[in-house]
Amino acid sequence: MVTKQCRKKRFLRSKEPFVYPIIINENINIGYVQACPLEEEFEIGYHIAENYTGNGFATEAVKIFLPVIMDMFQIYKIYGIVFC
């Protein structure tokens, strides 16, 4: 059985983002939300297809994704960077 701490160590070593698709009605993929390892810390990010922006999909996805990813990898702090 793989422990959460073991999963976290593997994830940090991989340097690859953990990506979760954002799927809406009838299996339409409109973007993704992801957690990226940064040394011993994590960053959250997302992308929404242009036709679907401004509808709250990113907000909803982050609210759902954060508790799952934080529990799965025992993350206690995650950063978000905003570019305008």
PDB file of N, CA and C in Angstrom:
ATOM      1  N   MET A   1       0.836  -1.178   0.000  1.00  0.00           N
ATOM      2  CA  MET A   1       0.000   0.000   0.000  1.00  0.00           C
ATOM      3  C   MET A   1       0.888   1.250   0.000  1.00  0.00           C
ATOM      4  N   VAL A   2       0.601   2.183  -0.885  1.00  0.00           N
ATOM      5  CA  VAL A   2       1.378   3.407  -1.001  1.00  0.00           C
ATOM      6  C   VAL A   2       0.816   4.456  -0.041  1.00  0.00           C
ATOM      7  N   THR A   3       1.679   4.980   0.821  1.00  0.00           N
ATOM      8  CA  THR A   3       1.223   5.996   1.775  1.00  0.00           C
ATOM      9  C   THR A   3       1.192   7.374   1.106  1.00  0.00           C
ATOM     10  N   LYS A   4       0.490   8.297   1.750  1.00  0.00           N
ATOM     11  CA  LYS A   4       0.418   9.661   1.216  1.00  0.00           C
ATOM     12  C   LYS A   4       1.798  10.307   1.196  1.00  0.00           C
ATOM     13  N   GLN A   5       2.595  10.046   2.216  1.00  0.00           N
ATOM     14  CA  GLN A   5       3.937  10.623   2.278  1.00  0.00           C
ATOM     15  C   GLN A   5       4.806  10.084   1.134  1.00  0.00           C
ATOM     16  N   CYS A   6       4.676   8.807   0.837  1.00  0.00           N
ATOM     17  CA  CYS A   6       5.412   8.192  -0.278  1.00  0.00           C
ATOM     18  C   CYS A   6       4.969   8.808  -1.608  1.00  0.00           C
ATOM     19  N   ARG A   7       3.652   8.996  -1.782  1.00  0.00           N
ATOM     20  CA  ARG A   7       3.122   9.627  -2.986  1.00  0.00           C
ATOM     21  C   ARG A   7       3.690  11.031  -3.153  1.00  0.00           C
ATOM     22  N   LYS A   8       3.751  11.770  -2.049  1.00  0.00           N
ATOM     23  CA  LYS A   8       4.275  13.139  -2.093  1.00  0.00           C
ATOM     24  C   LYS A   8       5.743  13.126  -2.526  1.00  0.00           C
ATOM     25  N   LYS A   9       6.544  12.242  -1.978  1.00  0.00           N
ATOM     26  CA  LYS A   9       7.964  12.176  -2.347  1.00  0.00           C
ATOM     27  C   LYS A   9       8.136  11.856  -3.822  1.00  0.00           C
ATOM     28  N   ARG A  10       7.353  10.907  -4.329  1.00  0.00           N
ATOM     29  CA  ARG A  10       7.418  10.572  -5.758  1.00  0.00           C
ATOM     30  C   ARG A  10       7.033  11.769  -6.618  1.00  0.00           C
ATOM     31  N   PHE A  11       5.976  12.455  -6.203  1.00  0.00           N
ATOM     32  CA  PHE A  11       5.492  13.617  -6.942  1.00  0.00           C
ATOM     33  C   PHE A  11       6.560  14.707  -6.983  1.00  0.00           C
ATOM     34  N   LEU A  12       7.198  15.000  -5.855  1.00  0.00           N
ATOM     35  CA  LEU A  12       8.239  16.018  -5.800  1.00  0.00           C
ATOM     36  C   LEU A  12       9.429  15.642  -6.678  1.00  0.00           C
ATOM     37  N   ARG A  13       9.805  14.386  -6.677  1.00  0.00           N
ATOM     38  CA  ARG A  13      10.938  13.932  -7.506  1.00  0.00           C
ATOM     39  C   ARG A  13      10.623  14.017  -8.986  1.00  0.00           C
ATOM     40  N   SER A  14       9.372  13.811  -9.346  1.00  0.00           N
ATOM     41  CA  SER A  14       9.014  13.759 -10.763  1.00  0.00           C
ATOM     42  C   SER A  14       9.142  15.118 -11.440  1.00  0.00           C
ATOM     43  N   LYS A  15       8.966  16.211 -10.693  1.00  0.00           N
ATOM     44  CA  LYS A  15       9.001  17.580 -11.232  1.00  0.00           C
ATOM     45  C   LYS A  15       7.917  17.821 -12.282  1.00  0.00           C
ATOM     46  N   GLU A  16       6.986  16.914 -12.411  1.00  0.00           N
ATOM     47  CA  GLU A  16       5.893  17.037 -13.374  1.00  0.00           C
ATOM     48  C   GLU A  16       4.645  17.546 -12.662  1.00  0.00           C
ATOM     49  N   PRO A  17       3.832  18.342 -13.337  1.00  0.00           N
ATOM     50  CA  PRO A  17       2.593  18.807 -12.711  1.00  0.00           C
ATOM     51  C   PRO A  17       1.564  17.683 -12.590  1.00  0.00           C
ATOM     52  N   PHE A  18       0.730  17.776 -11.578  1.00  0.00           N
ATOM     53  CA  PHE A  18      -0.404  16.879 -11.429  1.00  0.00           C
ATOM     54  C   PHE A  18      -1.580  17.619 -12.048  1.00  0.00           C
ATOM     55  N   VAL A  19      -2.059  17.148 -13.180  1.00  0.00           N
ATOM     56  CA  VAL A  19      -3.062  17.865 -13.970  1.00  0.00           C
ATOM     57  C   VAL A  19      -4.406  17.148 -13.877  1.00  0.00           C
ATOM     58  N   TYR A  20      -5.454  17.954 -13.674  1.00  0.00           N
ATOM     59  CA  TYR A  20      -6.805  17.438 -13.562  1.00  0.00           C
ATOM     60  C   TYR A  20      -7.664  18.164 -14.593  1.00  0.00           C
ATOM     61  N   PRO A  21      -8.298  17.464 -15.511  1.00  0.00           N
ATOM     62  CA  PRO A  21      -9.094  18.133 -16.548  1.00  0.00           C
ATOM     63  C   PRO A  21     -10.370  18.745 -15.982  1.00  0.00           C
ATOM     64  N   ILE A  22     -10.836  19.796 -16.615  1.00  0.00           N
ATOM     65  CA  ILE A  22     -12.118  20.409 -16.268  1.00  0.00           C
ATOM     66  C   ILE A  22     -13.089  20.015 -17.373  1.00  0.00           C
ATOM     67  N   ILE A  23     -14.033  19.161 -17.009  1.00  0.00           N
ATOM     68  CA  ILE A  23     -14.992  18.592 -17.957  1.00  0.00           C
ATOM     69  C   ILE A  23     -16.376  19.134 -17.634  1.00  0.00           C
ATOM     70  N   ILE A  24     -17.094  19.601 -18.652  1.00  0.00           N
ATOM     71  CA  ILE A  24     -18.471  20.046 -18.442  1.00  0.00           C
ATOM     72  C   ILE A  24     -19.401  19.187 -19.293  1.00  0.00           C
ATOM     73  N   ASN A  25     -20.633  19.583 -19.383  1.00  0.00           N
ATOM     74  CA  ASN A  25     -21.695  18.851 -20.089  1.00  0.00           C
ATOM     75  C   ASN A  25     -21.200  17.950 -21.213  1.00  0.00           C
ATOM     76  N   GLU A  26     -21.705  16.751 -21.205  1.00  0.00           N
ATOM     77  CA  GLU A  26     -21.451  15.792 -22.270  1.00  0.00           C
ATOM     78  C   GLU A  26     -19.971  15.613 -22.582  1.00  0.00           C
ATOM     79  N   ASN A  27     -19.159  15.585 -21.533  1.00  0.00           N
ATOM     80  CA  ASN A  27     -17.726  15.300 -21.642  1.00  0.00           C
ATOM     81  C   ASN A  27     -16.945  16.295 -22.491  1.00  0.00           C
ATOM     82  N   ILE A  28     -17.235  17.578 -22.349  1.00  0.00           N
ATOM     83  CA  ILE A  28     -16.479  18.614 -23.063  1.00  0.00           C
ATOM     84  C   ILE A  28     -15.351  19.091 -22.153  1.00  0.00           C
ATOM     85  N   ASN A  29     -14.105  18.905 -22.601  1.00  0.00           N
ATOM     86  CA  ASN A  29     -12.940  19.347 -21.842  1.00  0.00           C
ATOM     87  C   ASN A  29     -12.710  20.824 -22.152  1.00  0.00           C
ATOM     88  N   ILE A  30     -12.831  21.671 -21.119  1.00  0.00           N
ATOM     89  CA  ILE A  30     -12.678  23.111 -21.338  1.00  0.00           C
ATOM     90  C   ILE A  30     -11.392  23.663 -20.734  1.00  0.00           C
ATOM     91  N   GLY A  31     -10.580  22.817 -20.142  1.00  0.00           N
ATOM     92  CA  GLY A  31      -9.331  23.288 -19.554  1.00  0.00           C
ATOM     93  C   GLY A  31      -8.806  22.334 -18.505  1.00  0.00           C
ATOM     94  N   TYR A  32      -7.997  22.881 -17.608  1.00  0.00           N
ATOM     95  CA  TYR A  32      -7.412  22.038 -16.562  1.00  0.00           C
ATOM     96  C   TYR A  32      -7.049  22.893 -15.356  1.00  0.00           C
ATOM     97  N   VAL A  33      -6.875  22.214 -14.242  1.00  0.00           N
ATOM     98  CA  VAL A  33      -6.309  22.791 -13.030  1.00  0.00           C
ATOM     99  C   VAL A  33      -5.145  21.871 -12.671  1.00  0.00           C
ATOM    100  N   GLN A  34      -4.061  22.447 -12.150  1.00  0.00           N
ATOM    101  CA  GLN A  34      -2.881  21.633 -11.889  1.00  0.00           C
ATOM    102  C   GLN A  34      -2.140  22.087 -10.643  1.00  0.00           C
ATOM    103  N   ALA A  35      -1.380  21.169 -10.074  1.00  0.00           N
ATOM    104  CA  ALA A  35      -0.458  21.469  -8.986  1.00  0.00           C
ATOM    105  C   ALA A  35       0.939  21.136  -9.490  1.00  0.00           C
ATOM    106  N   CYS A  36       1.849  22.084  -9.342  1.00  0.00           N
ATOM    107  CA  CYS A  36       3.222  21.902  -9.807  1.00  0.00           C
ATOM    108  C   CYS A  36       4.169  21.911  -8.614  1.00  0.00           C
ATOM    109  N   PRO A  37       5.050  20.909  -8.520  1.00  0.00           N
ATOM    110  CA  PRO A  37       6.030  20.923  -7.432  1.00  0.00           C
ATOM    111  C   PRO A  37       7.117  21.961  -7.708  1.00  0.00           C
ATOM    112  N   LEU A  38       7.464  22.721  -6.680  1.00  0.00           N
ATOM    113  CA  LEU A  38       8.549  23.702  -6.733  1.00  0.00           C
ATOM    114  C   LEU A  38       9.444  23.446  -5.536  1.00  0.00           C
ATOM    115  N   GLU A  39      10.515  22.699  -5.732  1.00  0.00           N
ATOM    116  CA  GLU A  39      11.386  22.296  -4.624  1.00  0.00           C
ATOM    117  C   GLU A  39      10.535  21.579  -3.579  1.00  0.00           C
ATOM    118  N   GLU A  40      10.358  22.181  -2.401  1.00  0.00           N
ATOM    119  CA  GLU A  40       9.541  21.569  -1.350  1.00  0.00           C
ATOM    120  C   GLU A  40       8.158  22.199  -1.259  1.00  0.00           C
ATOM    121  N   GLU A  41       7.831  23.084  -2.184  1.00  0.00           N
ATOM    122  CA  GLU A  41       6.547  23.780  -2.165  1.00  0.00           C
ATOM    123  C   GLU A  41       5.755  23.433  -3.417  1.00  0.00           C
ATOM    124  N   PHE A  42       4.538  23.945  -3.482  1.00  0.00           N
ATOM    125  CA  PHE A  42       3.670  23.661  -4.615  1.00  0.00           C
ATOM    126  C   PHE A  42       3.006  24.929  -5.104  1.00  0.00           C
ATOM    127  N   GLU A  43       2.684  24.941  -6.383  1.00  0.00           N
ATOM    128  CA  GLU A  43       1.975  26.051  -6.996  1.00  0.00           C
ATOM    129  C   GLU A  43       0.748  25.494  -7.701  1.00  0.00           C
ATOM    130  N   ILE A  44      -0.351  26.222  -7.619  1.00  0.00           N
ATOM    131  CA  ILE A  44      -1.567  25.798  -8.320  1.00  0.00           C
ATOM    132  C   ILE A  44      -1.771  26.720  -9.518  1.00  0.00           C
ATOM    133  N   GLY A  45      -2.274  26.149 -10.586  1.00  0.00           N
ATOM    134  CA  GLY A  45      -2.550  26.932 -11.781  1.00  0.00           C
ATOM    135  C   GLY A  45      -3.727  26.340 -12.532  1.00  0.00           C
ATOM    136  N   TYR A  46      -4.222  27.074 -13.498  1.00  0.00           N
ATOM    137  CA  TYR A  46      -5.339  26.569 -14.292  1.00  0.00           C
ATOM    138  C   TYR A  46      -5.358  27.255 -15.643  1.00  0.00           C
ATOM    139  N   HIS A  47      -6.081  26.666 -16.547  1.00  0.00           N
ATOM    140  CA  HIS A  47      -6.304  27.247 -17.868  1.00  0.00           C
ATOM    141  C   HIS A  47      -7.731  26.897 -18.282  1.00  0.00           C
ATOM    142  N   ILE A  48      -8.443  27.895 -18.780  1.00  0.00           N
ATOM    143  CA  ILE A  48      -9.805  27.696 -19.272  1.00  0.00           C
ATOM    144  C   ILE A  48      -9.833  28.154 -20.726  1.00  0.00           C
ATOM    145  N   ALA A  49     -10.457  27.361 -21.586  1.00  0.00           N
ATOM    146  CA  ALA A  49     -10.594  27.744 -22.993  1.00  0.00           C
ATOM    147  C   ALA A  49     -11.304  29.094 -23.096  1.00  0.00           C
ATOM    148  N   GLU A  50     -10.868  29.911 -24.043  1.00  0.00           N
ATOM    149  CA  GLU A  50     -11.360  31.281 -24.176  1.00  0.00           C
ATOM    150  C   GLU A  50     -12.888  31.381 -24.222  1.00  0.00           C
ATOM    151  N   ASN A  51     -13.541  30.479 -24.914  1.00  0.00           N
ATOM    152  CA  ASN A  51     -15.011  30.522 -25.032  1.00  0.00           C
ATOM    153  C   ASN A  51     -15.732  30.273 -23.708  1.00  0.00           C
ATOM    154  N   TYR A  52     -15.016  29.786 -22.692  1.00  0.00           N
ATOM    155  CA  TYR A  52     -15.653  29.429 -21.425  1.00  0.00           C
ATOM    156  C   TYR A  52     -15.200  30.304 -20.260  1.00  0.00           C
ATOM    157  N   THR A  53     -14.348  31.304 -20.513  1.00  0.00           N
ATOM    158  CA  THR A  53     -13.880  32.157 -19.425  1.00  0.00           C
ATOM    159  C   THR A  53     -15.005  33.062 -18.928  1.00  0.00           C
ATOM    160  N   GLY A  54     -14.863  33.497 -17.682  1.00  0.00           N
ATOM    161  CA  GLY A  54     -15.838  34.416 -17.102  1.00  0.00           C
ATOM    162  C   GLY A  54     -17.117  33.769 -16.609  1.00  0.00           C
ATOM    163  N   ASN A  55     -17.120  32.441 -16.521  1.00  0.00           N
ATOM    164  CA  ASN A  55     -18.317  31.731 -16.068  1.00  0.00           C
ATOM    165  C   ASN A  55     -18.133  31.027 -14.723  1.00  0.00           C
ATOM    166  N   GLY A  56     -16.995  31.252 -14.075  1.00  0.00           N
ATOM    167  CA  GLY A  56     -16.757  30.657 -12.759  1.00  0.00           C
ATOM    168  C   GLY A  56     -16.216  29.238 -12.785  1.00  0.00           C
ATOM    169  N   PHE A  57     -15.870  28.720 -13.966  1.00  0.00           N
ATOM    170  CA  PHE A  57     -15.389  27.338 -14.045  1.00  0.00           C
ATOM    171  C   PHE A  57     -14.057  27.155 -13.314  1.00  0.00           C
ATOM    172  N   ALA A  58     -13.148  28.111 -13.438  1.00  0.00           N
ATOM    173  CA  ALA A  58     -11.855  27.998 -12.755  1.00  0.00           C
ATOM    174  C   ALA A  58     -12.033  28.040 -11.247  1.00  0.00           C
ATOM    175  N   THR A  59     -12.876  28.945 -10.774  1.00  0.00           N
ATOM    176  CA  THR A  59     -13.140  29.050  -9.340  1.00  0.00           C
ATOM    177  C   THR A  59     -13.697  27.739  -8.795  1.00  0.00           C
ATOM    178  N   GLU A  60     -14.663  27.188  -9.480  1.00  0.00           N
ATOM    179  CA  GLU A  60     -15.267  25.929  -9.044  1.00  0.00           C
ATOM    180  C   GLU A  60     -14.250  24.786  -9.072  1.00  0.00           C
ATOM    181  N   ALA A  61     -13.452  24.727 -10.136  1.00  0.00           N
ATOM    182  CA  ALA A  61     -12.454  23.659 -10.266  1.00  0.00           C
ATOM    183  C   ALA A  61     -11.411  23.742  -9.157  1.00  0.00           C
ATOM    184  N   VAL A  62     -10.942  24.942  -8.851  1.00  0.00           N
ATOM    185  CA  VAL A  62      -9.941  25.105  -7.794  1.00  0.00           C
ATOM    186  C   VAL A  62     -10.528  24.718  -6.443  1.00  0.00           C
ATOM    187  N   LYS A  63     -11.760  25.107  -6.169  1.00  0.00           N
ATOM    188  CA  LYS A  63     -12.409  24.749  -4.899  1.00  0.00           C
ATOM    189  C   LYS A  63     -12.527  23.236  -4.728  1.00  0.00           C
ATOM    190  N   ILE A  64     -12.750  22.533  -5.812  1.00  0.00           N
ATOM    191  CA  ILE A  64     -12.865  21.076  -5.755  1.00  0.00           C
ATOM    192  C   ILE A  64     -11.495  20.419  -5.713  1.00  0.00           C
ATOM    193  N   PHE A  65     -10.576  20.913  -6.527  1.00  0.00           N
ATOM    194  CA  PHE A  65      -9.248  20.311  -6.682  1.00  0.00           C
ATOM    195  C   PHE A  65      -8.377  20.480  -5.444  1.00  0.00           C
ATOM    196  N   LEU A  66      -8.387  21.669  -4.830  1.00  0.00           N
ATOM    197  CA  LEU A  66      -7.486  21.948  -3.722  1.00  0.00           C
ATOM    198  C   LEU A  66      -7.575  20.946  -2.576  1.00  0.00           C
ATOM    199  N   PRO A  67      -8.736  20.683  -2.006  1.00  0.00           N
ATOM    200  CA  PRO A  67      -8.783  19.722  -0.900  1.00  0.00           C
ATOM    201  C   PRO A  67      -8.307  18.330  -1.308  1.00  0.00           C
ATOM    202  N   VAL A  68      -8.613  17.928  -2.521  1.00  0.00           N
ATOM    203  CA  VAL A  68      -8.213  16.594  -2.995  1.00  0.00           C
ATOM    204  C   VAL A  68      -6.700  16.501  -3.109  1.00  0.00           C
ATOM    205  N   ILE A  69      -6.090  17.459  -3.815  1.00  0.00           N
ATOM    206  CA  ILE A  69      -4.638  17.410  -4.026  1.00  0.00           C
ATOM    207  C   ILE A  69      -3.880  17.607  -2.713  1.00  0.00           C
ATOM    208  N   MET A  70      -4.386  18.475  -1.840  1.00  0.00           N
ATOM    209  CA  MET A  70      -3.699  18.702  -0.575  1.00  0.00           C
ATOM    210  C   MET A  70      -3.731  17.463   0.310  1.00  0.00           C
ATOM    211  N   ASP A  71      -4.847  16.742   0.296  1.00  0.00           N
ATOM    212  CA  ASP A  71      -4.932  15.498   1.058  1.00  0.00           C
ATOM    213  C   ASP A  71      -4.112  14.394   0.399  1.00  0.00           C
ATOM    214  N   MET A  72      -4.219  14.270  -0.904  1.00  0.00           N
ATOM    215  CA  MET A  72      -3.541  13.190  -1.625  1.00  0.00           C
ATOM    216  C   MET A  72      -2.024  13.224  -1.430  1.00  0.00           C
ATOM    217  N   PHE A  73      -1.448  14.420  -1.440  1.00  0.00           N
ATOM    218  CA  PHE A  73       0.007  14.549  -1.346  1.00  0.00           C
ATOM    219  C   PHE A  73       0.469  15.187  -0.041  1.00  0.00           C
ATOM    220  N   GLN A  74      -0.427  15.305   0.923  1.00  0.00           N
ATOM    221  CA  GLN A  74      -0.121  15.916   2.218  1.00  0.00           C
ATOM    222  C   GLN A  74       0.552  17.273   2.042  1.00  0.00           C
ATOM    223  N   ILE A  75      -0.093  18.133   1.277  1.00  0.00           N
ATOM    224  CA  ILE A  75       0.391  19.486   1.054  1.00  0.00           C
ATOM    225  C   ILE A  75      -0.293  20.386   2.074  1.00  0.00           C
ATOM    226  N   TYR A  76       0.493  21.190   2.777  1.00  0.00           N
ATOM    227  CA  TYR A  76      -0.071  22.065   3.795  1.00  0.00           C
ATOM    228  C   TYR A  76      -0.066  23.522   3.370  1.00  0.00           C
ATOM    229  N   LYS A  77       0.644  23.816   2.286  1.00  0.00           N
ATOM    230  CA  LYS A  77       0.698  25.175   1.769  1.00  0.00           C
ATOM    231  C   LYS A  77       0.856  25.072   0.256  1.00  0.00           C
ATOM    232  N   ILE A  78       0.080  25.869  -0.469  1.00  0.00           N
ATOM    233  CA  ILE A  78       0.166  25.878  -1.927  1.00  0.00           C
ATOM    234  C   ILE A  78       0.040  27.331  -2.384  1.00  0.00           C
ATOM    235  N   TYR A  79       0.836  27.704  -3.364  1.00  0.00           N
ATOM    236  CA  TYR A  79       0.870  29.084  -3.855  1.00  0.00           C
ATOM    237  C   TYR A  79       0.127  29.216  -5.160  1.00  0.00           C
ATOM    238  N   GLY A  80      -0.457  30.358  -5.370  1.00  0.00           N
ATOM    239  CA  GLY A  80      -1.081  30.707  -6.636  1.00  0.00           C
ATOM    240  C   GLY A  80      -0.516  32.030  -7.101  1.00  0.00           C
ATOM    241  N   ILE A  81      -0.116  32.113  -8.349  1.00  0.00           N
ATOM    242  CA  ILE A  81       0.443  33.341  -8.903  1.00  0.00           C
ATOM    243  C   ILE A  81      -0.525  33.837  -9.975  1.00  0.00           C
ATOM    244  N   VAL A  82      -0.819  35.125  -9.930  1.00  0.00           N
ATOM    245  CA  VAL A  82      -1.759  35.704 -10.885  1.00  0.00           C
ATOM    246  C   VAL A  82      -1.007  36.612 -11.851  1.00  0.00           C
ATOM    247  N   PHE A  83      -1.257  36.401 -13.125  1.00  0.00           N
ATOM    248  CA  PHE A  83      -0.721  37.284 -14.164  1.00  0.00           C
ATOM    249  C   PHE A  83      -1.887  37.990 -14.813  1.00  0.00           C
ATOM    250  N   CYS A  84      -1.847  39.294 -14.891  1.00  0.00           N
ATOM    251  CA  CYS A  84      -2.932  40.061 -15.520  1.00  0.00           C
ATOM    252  C   CYS A  84      -2.432  40.747 -16.767  1.00  0.00           C
TER     253      CYS A  84
END
